[in-house]
Amino acid sequence: MKNAANAIISGGSAGGLTSILHCDSFRALLPIGTKVKCLSDAGYFINTKDVSGTQHIEAFYNDVVTTHGSAKNLPISCTSKMGPGLCFFPQNMAQQIQSPLFLVNAAYDSWQLD
């Protein structure tokens, strides 16, 4: 990528979450001066209890970290402050992202409301 002028990383759902988590590391792969943008479509998962009172998504992310050893790939700026499973939630790490980040989420997300 010798002559990259513009680059975008994007994804939907889990891919949208990934575009948030890897936004700055994607920019770091490109030549200095490349205009980089990150777009997450439906990748902003909320950390809340479900109707049974369980932190379902938080438990799921903790399992992902344990199963895949994901902690080493998450921003240290987040993992140094909280458990790595919590660093999968954009609300805990999006403010630390240096590259332009655009979030698209439906007002009504049936998957998250289940």
PDB file of N, CA and C in Angstrom:
ATOM      1  N   MET A   1       0.850  -1.179   0.000  1.00  0.00           N
ATOM      2  CA  MET A   1       0.000   0.000   0.000  1.00  0.00           C
ATOM      3  C   MET A   1       0.893   1.238   0.000  1.00  0.00           C
ATOM      4  N   LYS A   2       1.604   1.395  -1.010  1.00  0.00           N
ATOM      5  CA  LYS A   2       2.546   2.496  -1.118  1.00  0.00           C
ATOM      6  C   LYS A   2       1.865   3.838  -1.302  1.00  0.00           C
ATOM      7  N   ASN A   3       0.794   3.876  -2.092  1.00  0.00           N
ATOM      8  CA  ASN A   3       0.168   5.137  -2.449  1.00  0.00           C
ATOM      9  C   ASN A   3      -1.229   5.300  -1.877  1.00  0.00           C
ATOM     10  N   ALA A   4      -1.515   4.731  -0.724  1.00  0.00           N
ATOM     11  CA  ALA A   4      -2.859   4.834  -0.142  1.00  0.00           C
ATOM     12  C   ALA A   4      -3.150   6.264   0.248  1.00  0.00           C
ATOM     13  N   ALA A   5      -4.243   6.803  -0.275  1.00  0.00           N
ATOM     14  CA  ALA A   5      -4.649   8.155   0.090  1.00  0.00           C
ATOM     15  C   ALA A   5      -5.798   8.118   1.091  1.00  0.00           C
ATOM     16  N   ASN A   6      -6.695   7.167   0.905  1.00  0.00           N
ATOM     17  CA  ASN A   6      -7.875   7.017   1.762  1.00  0.00           C
ATOM     18  C   ASN A   6      -8.086   5.545   2.060  1.00  0.00           C
ATOM     19  N   ALA A   7      -8.512   5.263   3.272  1.00  0.00           N
ATOM     20  CA  ALA A   7      -8.805   3.878   3.640  1.00  0.00           C
ATOM     21  C   ALA A   7      -9.938   3.879   4.658  1.00  0.00           C
ATOM     22  N   ILE A   8     -10.749   2.843   4.591  1.00  0.00           N
ATOM     23  CA  ILE A   8     -11.848   2.699   5.545  1.00  0.00           C
ATOM     24  C   ILE A   8     -11.895   1.251   6.008  1.00  0.00           C
ATOM     25  N   ILE A   9     -12.145   1.078   7.282  1.00  0.00           N
ATOM     26  CA  ILE A   9     -12.419  -0.251   7.825  1.00  0.00           C
ATOM     27  C   ILE A   9     -13.860  -0.202   8.304  1.00  0.00           C
ATOM     28  N   SER A  10     -14.620  -1.213   7.923  1.00  0.00           N
ATOM     29  CA  SER A  10     -16.020  -1.230   8.328  1.00  0.00           C
ATOM     30  C   SER A  10     -16.493  -2.667   8.488  1.00  0.00           C
ATOM     31  N   GLY A  11     -17.636  -2.804   9.121  1.00  0.00           N
ATOM     32  CA  GLY A  11     -18.235  -4.109   9.293  1.00  0.00           C
ATOM     33  C   GLY A  11     -19.593  -3.965   9.929  1.00  0.00           C
ATOM     34  N   GLY A  12     -20.337  -5.049   9.914  1.00  0.00           N
ATOM     35  CA  GLY A  12     -21.660  -5.060  10.506  1.00  0.00           C
ATOM     36  C   GLY A  12     -21.744  -6.088  11.618  1.00  0.00           C
ATOM     37  N   SER A  13     -22.446  -5.765  12.673  1.00  0.00           N
ATOM     38  CA  SER A  13     -22.632  -6.630  13.834  1.00  0.00           C
ATOM     39  C   SER A  13     -21.268  -6.962  14.453  1.00  0.00           C
ATOM     40  N   ALA A  14     -20.895  -8.232  14.516  1.00  0.00           N
ATOM     41  CA  ALA A  14     -19.592  -8.577  15.100  1.00  0.00           C
ATOM     42  C   ALA A  14     -18.450  -7.926  14.313  1.00  0.00           C
ATOM     43  N   GLY A  15     -18.619  -7.809  12.993  1.00  0.00           N
ATOM     44  CA  GLY A  15     -17.614  -7.126  12.179  1.00  0.00           C
ATOM     45  C   GLY A  15     -17.566  -5.640  12.478  1.00  0.00           C
ATOM     46  N   GLY A  16     -18.708  -5.067  12.832  1.00  0.00           N
ATOM     47  CA  GLY A  16     -18.749  -3.665  13.238  1.00  0.00           C
ATOM     48  C   GLY A  16     -18.016  -3.452  14.549  1.00  0.00           C
ATOM     49  N   LEU A  17     -18.185  -4.387  15.469  1.00  0.00           N
ATOM     50  CA  LEU A  17     -17.445  -4.327  16.727  1.00  0.00           C
ATOM     51  C   LEU A  17     -15.952  -4.424  16.447  1.00  0.00           C
ATOM     52  N   THR A  18     -15.576  -5.318  15.547  1.00  0.00           N
ATOM     53  CA  THR A  18     -14.174  -5.486  15.196  1.00  0.00           C
ATOM     54  C   THR A  18     -13.600  -4.218  14.585  1.00  0.00           C
ATOM     55  N   SER A  19     -14.385  -3.527  13.765  1.00  0.00           N
ATOM     56  CA  SER A  19     -13.882  -2.286  13.168  1.00  0.00           C
ATOM     57  C   SER A  19     -13.644  -1.215  14.235  1.00  0.00           C
ATOM     58  N   ILE A  20     -14.381  -1.267  15.333  1.00  0.00           N
ATOM     59  CA  ILE A  20     -14.132  -0.354  16.451  1.00  0.00           C
ATOM     60  C   ILE A  20     -12.854  -0.772  17.183  1.00  0.00           C
ATOM     61  N   LEU A  21     -12.775  -2.061  17.524  1.00  0.00           N
ATOM     62  CA  LEU A  21     -11.647  -2.548  18.322  1.00  0.00           C
ATOM     63  C   LEU A  21     -10.311  -2.399  17.605  1.00  0.00           C
ATOM     64  N   HIS A  22     -10.313  -2.475  16.282  1.00  0.00           N
ATOM     65  CA  HIS A  22      -9.061  -2.438  15.521  1.00  0.00           C
ATOM     66  C   HIS A  22      -8.874  -1.159  14.719  1.00  0.00           C
ATOM     67  N   CYS A  23      -9.663  -0.159  14.988  1.00  0.00           N
ATOM     68  CA  CYS A  23      -9.629   1.086  14.238  1.00  0.00           C
ATOM     69  C   CYS A  23      -8.218   1.695  14.194  1.00  0.00           C
ATOM     70  N   ASP A  24      -7.642   1.963  15.332  1.00  0.00           N
ATOM     71  CA  ASP A  24      -6.319   2.604  15.360  1.00  0.00           C
ATOM     72  C   ASP A  24      -5.201   1.676  14.894  1.00  0.00           C
ATOM     73  N   SER A  25      -5.308   0.381  15.173  1.00  0.00           N
ATOM     74  CA  SER A  25      -4.259  -0.534  14.708  1.00  0.00           C
ATOM     75  C   SER A  25      -4.315  -0.667  13.182  1.00  0.00           C
ATOM     76  N   PHE A  26      -5.499  -0.547  12.588  1.00  0.00           N
ATOM     77  CA  PHE A  26      -5.633  -0.521  11.128  1.00  0.00           C
ATOM     78  C   PHE A  26      -4.919   0.711  10.578  1.00  0.00           C
ATOM     79  N   ARG A  27      -5.153   1.862  11.189  1.00  0.00           N
ATOM     80  CA  ARG A  27      -4.495   3.094  10.749  1.00  0.00           C
ATOM     81  C   ARG A  27      -2.984   2.963  10.836  1.00  0.00           C
ATOM     82  N   ALA A  28      -2.502   2.294  11.858  1.00  0.00           N
ATOM     83  CA  ALA A  28      -1.057   2.148  12.057  1.00  0.00           C
ATOM     84  C   ALA A  28      -0.402   1.304  10.955  1.00  0.00           C
ATOM     85  N   LEU A  29      -1.172   0.488  10.261  1.00  0.00           N
ATOM     86  CA  LEU A  29      -0.636  -0.339   9.178  1.00  0.00           C
ATOM     87  C   LEU A  29      -0.402   0.446   7.889  1.00  0.00           C
ATOM     88  N   LEU A  30      -0.996   1.623   7.796  1.00  0.00           N
ATOM     89  CA  LEU A  30      -0.982   2.401   6.563  1.00  0.00           C
ATOM     90  C   LEU A  30       0.065   3.507   6.612  1.00  0.00           C
ATOM     91  N   PRO A  31       0.484   3.996   5.454  1.00  0.00           N
ATOM     92  CA  PRO A  31       1.477   5.074   5.431  1.00  0.00           C
ATOM     93  C   PRO A  31       0.976   6.326   6.153  1.00  0.00           C
ATOM     94  N   ILE A  32       1.889   7.041   6.760  1.00  0.00           N
ATOM     95  CA  ILE A  32       1.553   8.300   7.427  1.00  0.00           C
ATOM     96  C   ILE A  32       0.937   9.233   6.395  1.00  0.00           C
ATOM     97  N   GLY A  33      -0.117   9.897   6.782  1.00  0.00           N
ATOM     98  CA  GLY A  33      -0.801  10.813   5.881  1.00  0.00           C
ATOM     99  C   GLY A  33      -2.029  10.206   5.218  1.00  0.00           C
ATOM    100  N   THR A  34      -2.191   8.893   5.316  1.00  0.00           N
ATOM    101  CA  THR A  34      -3.392   8.249   4.769  1.00  0.00           C
ATOM    102  C   THR A  34      -4.594   8.676   5.599  1.00  0.00           C
ATOM    103  N   LYS A  35      -5.641   9.098   4.930  1.00  0.00           N
ATOM    104  CA  LYS A  35      -6.873   9.465   5.624  1.00  0.00           C
ATOM    105  C   LYS A  35      -7.636   8.187   5.928  1.00  0.00           C
ATOM    106  N   VAL A  36      -7.799   7.891   7.205  1.00  0.00           N
ATOM    107  CA  VAL A  36      -8.429   6.650   7.645  1.00  0.00           C
ATOM    108  C   VAL A  36      -9.719   6.968   8.391  1.00  0.00           C
ATOM    109  N   LYS A  37     -10.742   6.224   8.085  1.00  0.00           N
ATOM    110  CA  LYS A  37     -12.018   6.319   8.780  1.00  0.00           C
ATOM    111  C   LYS A  37     -12.443   4.915   9.189  1.00  0.00           C
ATOM    112  N   CYS A  38     -13.190   4.831  10.277  1.00  0.00           N
ATOM    113  CA  CYS A  38     -13.684   3.546  10.780  1.00  0.00           C
ATOM    114  C   CYS A  38     -15.202   3.644  10.913  1.00  0.00           C
ATOM    115  N   LEU A  39     -15.894   2.640  10.396  1.00  0.00           N
ATOM    116  CA  LEU A  39     -17.357   2.631  10.399  1.00  0.00           C
ATOM    117  C   LEU A  39     -17.868   1.332  11.009  1.00  0.00           C
ATOM    118  N   SER A  40     -18.677   1.465  12.031  1.00  0.00           N
ATOM    119  CA  SER A  40     -19.289   0.307  12.676  1.00  0.00           C
ATOM    120  C   SER A  40     -20.793   0.360  12.459  1.00  0.00           C
ATOM    121  N   ASP A  41     -21.319  -0.659  11.798  1.00  0.00           N
ATOM    122  CA  ASP A  41     -22.757  -0.759  11.562  1.00  0.00           C
ATOM    123  C   ASP A  41     -23.315  -1.868  12.460  1.00  0.00           C
ATOM    124  N   ALA A  42     -24.079  -1.498  13.444  1.00  0.00           N
ATOM    125  CA  ALA A  42     -24.703  -2.433  14.387  1.00  0.00           C
ATOM    126  C   ALA A  42     -23.671  -3.204  15.210  1.00  0.00           C
ATOM    127  N   GLY A  43     -22.551  -2.553  15.524  1.00  0.00           N
ATOM    128  CA  GLY A  43     -21.505  -3.191  16.311  1.00  0.00           C
ATOM    129  C   GLY A  43     -21.380  -2.648  17.723  1.00  0.00           C
ATOM    130  N   TYR A  44     -22.288  -1.769  18.093  1.00  0.00           N
ATOM    131  CA  TYR A  44     -22.250  -1.154  19.419  1.00  0.00           C
ATOM    132  C   TYR A  44     -23.217  -1.927  20.318  1.00  0.00           C
ATOM    133  N   PHE A  45     -22.665  -2.906  21.015  1.00  0.00           N
ATOM    134  CA  PHE A  45     -23.485  -3.759  21.880  1.00  0.00           C
ATOM    135  C   PHE A  45     -23.553  -3.146  23.277  1.00  0.00           C
ATOM    136  N   ILE A  46     -24.719  -3.158  23.855  1.00  0.00           N
ATOM    137  CA  ILE A  46     -24.899  -2.541  25.167  1.00  0.00           C
ATOM    138  C   ILE A  46     -24.627  -3.552  26.277  1.00  0.00           C
ATOM    139  N   ASN A  47     -24.111  -3.048  27.361  1.00  0.00           N
ATOM    140  CA  ASN A  47     -23.827  -3.876  28.528  1.00  0.00           C
ATOM    141  C   ASN A  47     -24.921  -3.623  29.554  1.00  0.00           C
ATOM    142  N   THR A  48     -25.914  -4.459  29.501  1.00  0.00           N
ATOM    143  CA  THR A  48     -27.036  -4.315  30.420  1.00  0.00           C
ATOM    144  C   THR A  48     -27.586  -5.691  30.766  1.00  0.00           C
ATOM    145  N   LYS A  49     -28.370  -5.742  31.787  1.00  0.00           N
ATOM    146  CA  LYS A  49     -28.996  -7.012  32.180  1.00  0.00           C
ATOM    147  C   LYS A  49     -30.147  -7.322  31.233  1.00  0.00           C
ATOM    148  N   ASP A  50     -30.343  -8.615  30.983  1.00  0.00           N
ATOM    149  CA  ASP A  50     -31.502  -9.015  30.189  1.00  0.00           C
ATOM    150  C   ASP A  50     -32.720  -9.105  31.110  1.00  0.00           C
ATOM    151  N   VAL A  51     -33.846  -9.520  30.563  1.00  0.00           N
ATOM    152  CA  VAL A  51     -35.085  -9.544  31.352  1.00  0.00           C
ATOM    153  C   VAL A  51     -35.016 -10.485  32.547  1.00  0.00           C
ATOM    154  N   SER A  52     -34.095 -11.450  32.510  1.00  0.00           N
ATOM    155  CA  SER A  52     -33.948 -12.358  33.653  1.00  0.00           C
ATOM    156  C   SER A  52     -32.989 -11.803  34.706  1.00  0.00           C
ATOM    157  N   GLY A  53     -32.410 -10.626  34.432  1.00  0.00           N
ATOM    158  CA  GLY A  53     -31.471 -10.020  35.375  1.00  0.00           C
ATOM    159  C   GLY A  53     -30.029 -10.469  35.180  1.00  0.00           C
ATOM    160  N   THR A  54     -29.753 -11.148  34.077  1.00  0.00           N
ATOM    161  CA  THR A  54     -28.412 -11.672  33.793  1.00  0.00           C
ATOM    162  C   THR A  54     -27.641 -10.734  32.868  1.00  0.00           C
ATOM    163  N   GLN A  55     -26.353 -10.570  33.121  1.00  0.00           N
ATOM    164  CA  GLN A  55     -25.465  -9.797  32.244  1.00  0.00           C
ATOM    165  C   GLN A  55     -25.004 -10.730  31.120  1.00  0.00           C
ATOM    166  N   HIS A  56     -25.919 -11.107  30.233  1.00  0.00           N
ATOM    167  CA  HIS A  56     -25.670 -12.112  29.202  1.00  0.00           C
ATOM    168  C   HIS A  56     -24.495 -11.747  28.285  1.00  0.00           C
ATOM    169  N   ILE A  57     -24.496 -10.541  27.730  1.00  0.00           N
ATOM    170  CA  ILE A  57     -23.452 -10.159  26.767  1.00  0.00           C
ATOM    171  C   ILE A  57     -22.104 -10.033  27.469  1.00  0.00           C
ATOM    172  N   GLU A  58     -22.080  -9.496  28.661  1.00  0.00           N
ATOM    173  CA  GLU A  58     -20.822  -9.389  29.413  1.00  0.00           C
ATOM    174  C   GLU A  58     -20.237 -10.776  29.668  1.00  0.00           C
ATOM    175  N   ALA A  59     -21.061 -11.720  30.057  1.00  0.00           N
ATOM    176  CA  ALA A  59     -20.591 -13.092  30.278  1.00  0.00           C
ATOM    177  C   ALA A  59     -20.087 -13.700  28.970  1.00  0.00           C
ATOM    178  N   PHE A  60     -20.789 -13.426  27.879  1.00  0.00           N
ATOM    179  CA  PHE A  60     -20.372 -13.921  26.568  1.00  0.00           C
ATOM    180  C   PHE A  60     -18.996 -13.376  26.197  1.00  0.00           C
ATOM    181  N   TYR A  61     -18.789 -12.079  26.370  1.00  0.00           N
ATOM    182  CA  TYR A  61     -17.489 -11.472  26.035  1.00  0.00           C
ATOM    183  C   TYR A  61     -16.380 -12.005  26.935  1.00  0.00           C
ATOM    184  N   ASN A  62     -16.677 -12.240  28.201  1.00  0.00           N
ATOM    185  CA  ASN A  62     -15.672 -12.838  29.089  1.00  0.00           C
ATOM    186  C   ASN A  62     -15.279 -14.224  28.591  1.00  0.00           C
ATOM    187  N   ASP A  63     -16.259 -14.989  28.109  1.00  0.00           N
ATOM    188  CA  ASP A  63     -15.966 -16.313  27.546  1.00  0.00           C
ATOM    189  C   ASP A  63     -15.123 -16.200  26.279  1.00  0.00           C
ATOM    190  N   VAL A  64     -15.402 -15.215  25.447  1.00  0.00           N
ATOM    191  CA  VAL A  64     -14.614 -15.005  24.221  1.00  0.00           C
ATOM    192  C   VAL A  64     -13.162 -14.723  24.585  1.00  0.00           C
ATOM    193  N   VAL A  65     -12.945 -13.850  25.548  1.00  0.00           N
ATOM    194  CA  VAL A  65     -11.585 -13.514  25.979  1.00  0.00           C
ATOM    195  C   VAL A  65     -10.863 -14.755  26.485  1.00  0.00           C
ATOM    196  N   THR A  66     -11.537 -15.543  27.299  1.00  0.00           N
ATOM    197  CA  THR A  66     -10.935 -16.758  27.856  1.00  0.00           C
ATOM    198  C   THR A  66     -10.640 -17.786  26.770  1.00  0.00           C
ATOM    199  N   THR A  67     -11.610 -18.040  25.908  1.00  0.00           N
ATOM    200  CA  THR A  67     -11.464 -19.062  24.878  1.00  0.00           C
ATOM    201  C   THR A  67     -10.395 -18.713  23.848  1.00  0.00           C
ATOM    202  N   HIS A  68     -10.362 -17.460  23.421  1.00  0.00           N
ATOM    203  CA  HIS A  68      -9.491 -17.069  22.313  1.00  0.00           C
ATOM    204  C   HIS A  68      -8.242 -16.300  22.738  1.00  0.00           C
ATOM    205  N   GLY A  69      -8.083 -16.045  24.023  1.00  0.00           N
ATOM    206  CA  GLY A  69      -6.928 -15.274  24.469  1.00  0.00           C
ATOM    207  C   GLY A  69      -6.938 -13.862  23.904  1.00  0.00           C
ATOM    208  N   SER A  70      -8.106 -13.267  23.835  1.00  0.00           N
ATOM    209  CA  SER A  70      -8.290 -11.970  23.184  1.00  0.00           C
ATOM    210  C   SER A  70      -7.672 -10.796  23.927  1.00  0.00           C
ATOM    211  N   ALA A  71      -7.372 -10.935  25.192  1.00  0.00           N
ATOM    212  CA  ALA A  71      -6.877  -9.799  25.979  1.00  0.00           C
ATOM    213  C   ALA A  71      -5.645  -9.157  25.344  1.00  0.00           C
ATOM    214  N   LYS A  72      -4.775  -9.961  24.765  1.00  0.00           N
ATOM    215  CA  LYS A  72      -3.539  -9.423  24.183  1.00  0.00           C
ATOM    216  C   LYS A  72      -3.797  -8.570  22.944  1.00  0.00           C
ATOM    217  N   ASN A  73      -4.988  -8.686  22.347  1.00  0.00           N
ATOM    218  CA  ASN A  73      -5.314  -7.924  21.148  1.00  0.00           C
ATOM    219  C   ASN A  73      -6.202  -6.712  21.422  1.00  0.00           C
ATOM    220  N   LEU A  74      -6.530  -6.491  22.665  1.00  0.00           N
ATOM    221  CA  LEU A  74      -7.351  -5.349  23.039  1.00  0.00           C
ATOM    222  C   LEU A  74      -6.458  -4.190  23.477  1.00  0.00           C
ATOM    223  N   PRO A  75      -6.934  -2.961  23.337  1.00  0.00           N
ATOM    224  CA  PRO A  75      -6.113  -1.802  23.712  1.00  0.00           C
ATOM    225  C   PRO A  75      -5.720  -1.834  25.195  1.00  0.00           C
ATOM    226  N   ILE A  76      -4.435  -1.678  25.440  1.00  0.00           N
ATOM    227  CA  ILE A  76      -3.921  -1.646  26.816  1.00  0.00           C
ATOM    228  C   ILE A  76      -4.536  -0.476  27.581  1.00  0.00           C
ATOM    229  N   SER A  77      -4.852   0.590  26.874  1.00  0.00           N
ATOM    230  CA  SER A  77      -5.467   1.743  27.529  1.00  0.00           C
ATOM    231  C   SER A  77      -6.794   1.359  28.173  1.00  0.00           C
ATOM    232  N   CYS A  78      -7.420   0.296  27.704  1.00  0.00           N
ATOM    233  CA  CYS A  78      -8.663  -0.188  28.311  1.00  0.00           C
ATOM    234  C   CYS A  78      -8.393  -1.316  29.298  1.00  0.00           C
ATOM    235  N   THR A  79      -7.609  -2.317  28.882  1.00  0.00           N
ATOM    236  CA  THR A  79      -7.388  -3.489  29.743  1.00  0.00           C
ATOM    237  C   THR A  79      -6.624  -3.148  31.017  1.00  0.00           C
ATOM    238  N   SER A  80      -5.920  -2.010  31.031  1.00  0.00           N
ATOM    239  CA  SER A  80      -5.223  -1.612  32.253  1.00  0.00           C
ATOM    240  C   SER A  80      -6.187  -1.019  33.278  1.00  0.00           C
ATOM    241  N   LYS A  81      -7.405  -0.681  32.852  1.00  0.00           N
ATOM    242  CA  LYS A  81      -8.392  -0.059  33.737  1.00  0.00           C
ATOM    243  C   LYS A  81      -9.524  -0.990  34.146  1.00  0.00           C
ATOM    244  N   MET A  82      -9.776  -2.030  33.318  1.00  0.00           N
ATOM    245  CA  MET A  82     -10.909  -2.924  33.602  1.00  0.00           C
ATOM    246  C   MET A  82     -10.649  -4.279  32.981  1.00  0.00           C
ATOM    247  N   GLY A  83     -11.483  -5.231  33.308  1.00  0.00           N
ATOM    248  CA  GLY A  83     -11.343  -6.570  32.763  1.00  0.00           C
ATOM    249  C   GLY A  83     -11.453  -6.563  31.247  1.00  0.00           C
ATOM    250  N   PRO A  84     -10.694  -7.412  30.566  1.00  0.00           N
ATOM    251  CA  PRO A  84     -10.700  -7.402  29.107  1.00  0.00           C
ATOM    252  C   PRO A  84     -12.067  -7.660  28.484  1.00  0.00           C
ATOM    253  N   GLY A  85     -12.920  -8.446  29.134  1.00  0.00           N
ATOM    254  CA  GLY A  85     -14.261  -8.671  28.597  1.00  0.00           C
ATOM    255  C   GLY A  85     -15.045  -7.377  28.479  1.00  0.00           C
ATOM    256  N   LEU A  86     -14.836  -6.456  29.411  1.00  0.00           N
ATOM    257  CA  LEU A  86     -15.519  -5.163  29.368  1.00  0.00           C
ATOM    258  C   LEU A  86     -14.984  -4.269  28.254  1.00  0.00           C
ATOM    259  N   CYS A  87     -13.767  -4.553  27.772  1.00  0.00           N
ATOM    260  CA  CYS A  87     -13.176  -3.756  26.696  1.00  0.00           C
ATOM    261  C   CYS A  87     -13.764  -4.094  25.332  1.00  0.00           C
ATOM    262  N   PHE A  88     -14.636  -5.091  25.268  1.00  0.00           N
ATOM    263  CA  PHE A  88     -15.367  -5.374  24.041  1.00  0.00           C
ATOM    264  C   PHE A  88     -16.542  -4.404  23.879  1.00  0.00           C
ATOM    265  N   PHE A  89     -16.910  -3.729  24.939  1.00  0.00           N
ATOM    266  CA  PHE A  89     -18.013  -2.781  24.860  1.00  0.00           C
ATOM    267  C   PHE A  89     -17.479  -1.424  24.422  1.00  0.00           C
ATOM    268  N   PRO A  90     -17.955  -0.912  23.277  1.00  0.00           N
ATOM    269  CA  PRO A  90     -17.441   0.361  22.768  1.00  0.00           C
ATOM    270  C   PRO A  90     -17.549   1.515  23.761  1.00  0.00           C
ATOM    271  N   GLN A  91     -18.579   1.498  24.607  1.00  0.00           N
ATOM    272  CA  GLN A  91     -18.722   2.591  25.562  1.00  0.00           C
ATOM    273  C   GLN A  91     -17.551   2.653  26.544  1.00  0.00           C
ATOM    274  N   ASN A  92     -16.787   1.558  26.662  1.00  0.00           N
ATOM    275  CA  ASN A  92     -15.634   1.537  27.564  1.00  0.00           C
ATOM    276  C   ASN A  92     -14.329   1.901  26.872  1.00  0.00           C
ATOM    277  N   MET A  93     -14.311   1.935  25.542  1.00  0.00           N
ATOM    278  CA  MET A  93     -13.039   2.217  24.889  1.00  0.00           C
ATOM    279  C   MET A  93     -13.114   3.131  23.676  1.00  0.00           C
ATOM    280  N   ALA A  94     -14.293   3.485  23.200  1.00  0.00           N
ATOM    281  CA  ALA A  94     -14.408   4.303  21.990  1.00  0.00           C
ATOM    282  C   ALA A  94     -13.787   5.686  22.156  1.00  0.00           C
ATOM    283  N   GLN A  95     -13.852   6.259  23.355  1.00  0.00           N
ATOM    284  CA  GLN A  95     -13.288   7.596  23.566  1.00  0.00           C
ATOM    285  C   GLN A  95     -11.777   7.618  23.410  1.00  0.00           C
ATOM    286  N   GLN A  96     -11.130   6.473  23.507  1.00  0.00           N
ATOM    287  CA  GLN A  96      -9.678   6.397  23.399  1.00  0.00           C
ATOM    288  C   GLN A  96      -9.203   6.249  21.950  1.00  0.00           C
ATOM    289  N   ILE A  97     -10.127   6.028  21.029  1.00  0.00           N
ATOM    290  CA  ILE A  97      -9.768   5.837  19.626  1.00  0.00           C
ATOM    291  C   ILE A  97      -9.387   7.180  19.022  1.00  0.00           C
ATOM    292  N   GLN A  98      -8.239   7.213  18.362  1.00  0.00           N
ATOM    293  CA  GLN A  98      -7.716   8.448  17.783  1.00  0.00           C
ATOM    294  C   GLN A  98      -8.238   8.697  16.365  1.00  0.00           C
ATOM    295  N   SER A  99      -8.546   7.649  15.617  1.00  0.00           N
ATOM    296  CA  SER A  99      -9.015   7.780  14.232  1.00  0.00           C
ATOM    297  C   SER A  99     -10.489   8.162  14.219  1.00  0.00           C
ATOM    298  N   PRO A 100     -10.944   8.830  13.137  1.00  0.00           N
ATOM    299  CA  PRO A 100     -12.368   9.148  13.035  1.00  0.00           C
ATOM    300  C   PRO A 100     -13.207   7.868  13.049  1.00  0.00           C
ATOM    301  N   LEU A 101     -14.184   7.837  13.919  1.00  0.00           N
ATOM    302  CA  LEU A 101     -15.026   6.663  14.118  1.00  0.00           C
ATOM    303  C   LEU A 101     -16.484   7.060  13.946  1.00  0.00           C
ATOM    304  N   PHE A 102     -17.189   6.310  13.102  1.00  0.00           N
ATOM    305  CA  PHE A 102     -18.601   6.561  12.844  1.00  0.00           C
ATOM    306  C   PHE A 102     -19.393   5.336  13.280  1.00  0.00           C
ATOM    307  N   LEU A 103     -20.402   5.570  14.099  1.00  0.00           N
ATOM    308  CA  LEU A 103     -21.227   4.487  14.632  1.00  0.00           C
ATOM    309  C   LEU A 103     -22.631   4.587  14.056  1.00  0.00           C
ATOM    310  N   VAL A 104     -23.122   3.469  13.522  1.00  0.00           N
ATOM    311  CA  VAL A 104     -24.484   3.384  13.013  1.00  0.00           C
ATOM    312  C   VAL A 104     -25.161   2.249  13.774  1.00  0.00           C
ATOM    313  N   ASN A 105     -26.239   2.552  14.458  1.00  0.00           N
ATOM    314  CA  ASN A 105     -27.013   1.535  15.166  1.00  0.00           C
ATOM    315  C   ASN A 105     -28.483   1.890  15.043  1.00  0.00           C
ATOM    316  N   ALA A 106     -29.296   0.891  14.832  1.00  0.00           N
ATOM    317  CA  ALA A 106     -30.730   1.114  14.746  1.00  0.00           C
ATOM    318  C   ALA A 106     -31.281   1.497  16.119  1.00  0.00           C
ATOM    319  N   ALA A 107     -32.286   2.331  16.131  1.00  0.00           N
ATOM    320  CA  ALA A 107     -32.927   2.697  17.396  1.00  0.00           C
ATOM    321  C   ALA A 107     -33.599   1.475  18.022  1.00  0.00           C
ATOM    322  N   TYR A 108     -34.034   0.553  17.185  1.00  0.00           N
ATOM    323  CA  TYR A 108     -34.665  -0.675  17.657  1.00  0.00           C
ATOM    324  C   TYR A 108     -33.843  -1.843  17.139  1.00  0.00           C
ATOM    325  N   ASP A 109     -33.117  -2.484  18.017  1.00  0.00           N
ATOM    326  CA  ASP A 109     -32.258  -3.609  17.652  1.00  0.00           C
ATOM    327  C   ASP A 109     -32.825  -4.851  18.323  1.00  0.00           C
ATOM    328  N   SER A 110     -33.585  -5.645  17.569  1.00  0.00           N
ATOM    329  CA  SER A 110     -34.288  -6.784  18.154  1.00  0.00           C
ATOM    330  C   SER A 110     -33.341  -7.806  18.766  1.00  0.00           C
ATOM    331  N   TRP A 111     -32.136  -7.964  18.208  1.00  0.00           N
ATOM    332  CA  TRP A 111     -31.194  -8.940  18.763  1.00  0.00           C
ATOM    333  C   TRP A 111     -30.771  -8.535  20.166  1.00  0.00           C
ATOM    334  N   GLN A 112     -30.474  -7.261  20.376  1.00  0.00           N
ATOM    335  CA  GLN A 112     -30.047  -6.812  21.697  1.00  0.00           C
ATOM    336  C   GLN A 112     -31.203  -6.763  22.689  1.00  0.00           C
ATOM    337  N   LEU A 113     -32.394  -6.569  22.203  1.00  0.00           N
ATOM    338  CA  LEU A 113     -33.541  -6.515  23.104  1.00  0.00           C
ATOM    339  C   LEU A 113     -33.979  -7.886  23.583  1.00  0.00           C
ATOM    340  N   ASP A 114     -33.587  -8.934  22.862  1.00  0.00           N
ATOM    341  CA  ASP A 114     -33.907 -10.298  23.306  1.00  0.00           C
ATOM    342  C   ASP A 114     -33.144 -10.579  24.584  1.00  0.00           C
TER     343      ASP A 114
END
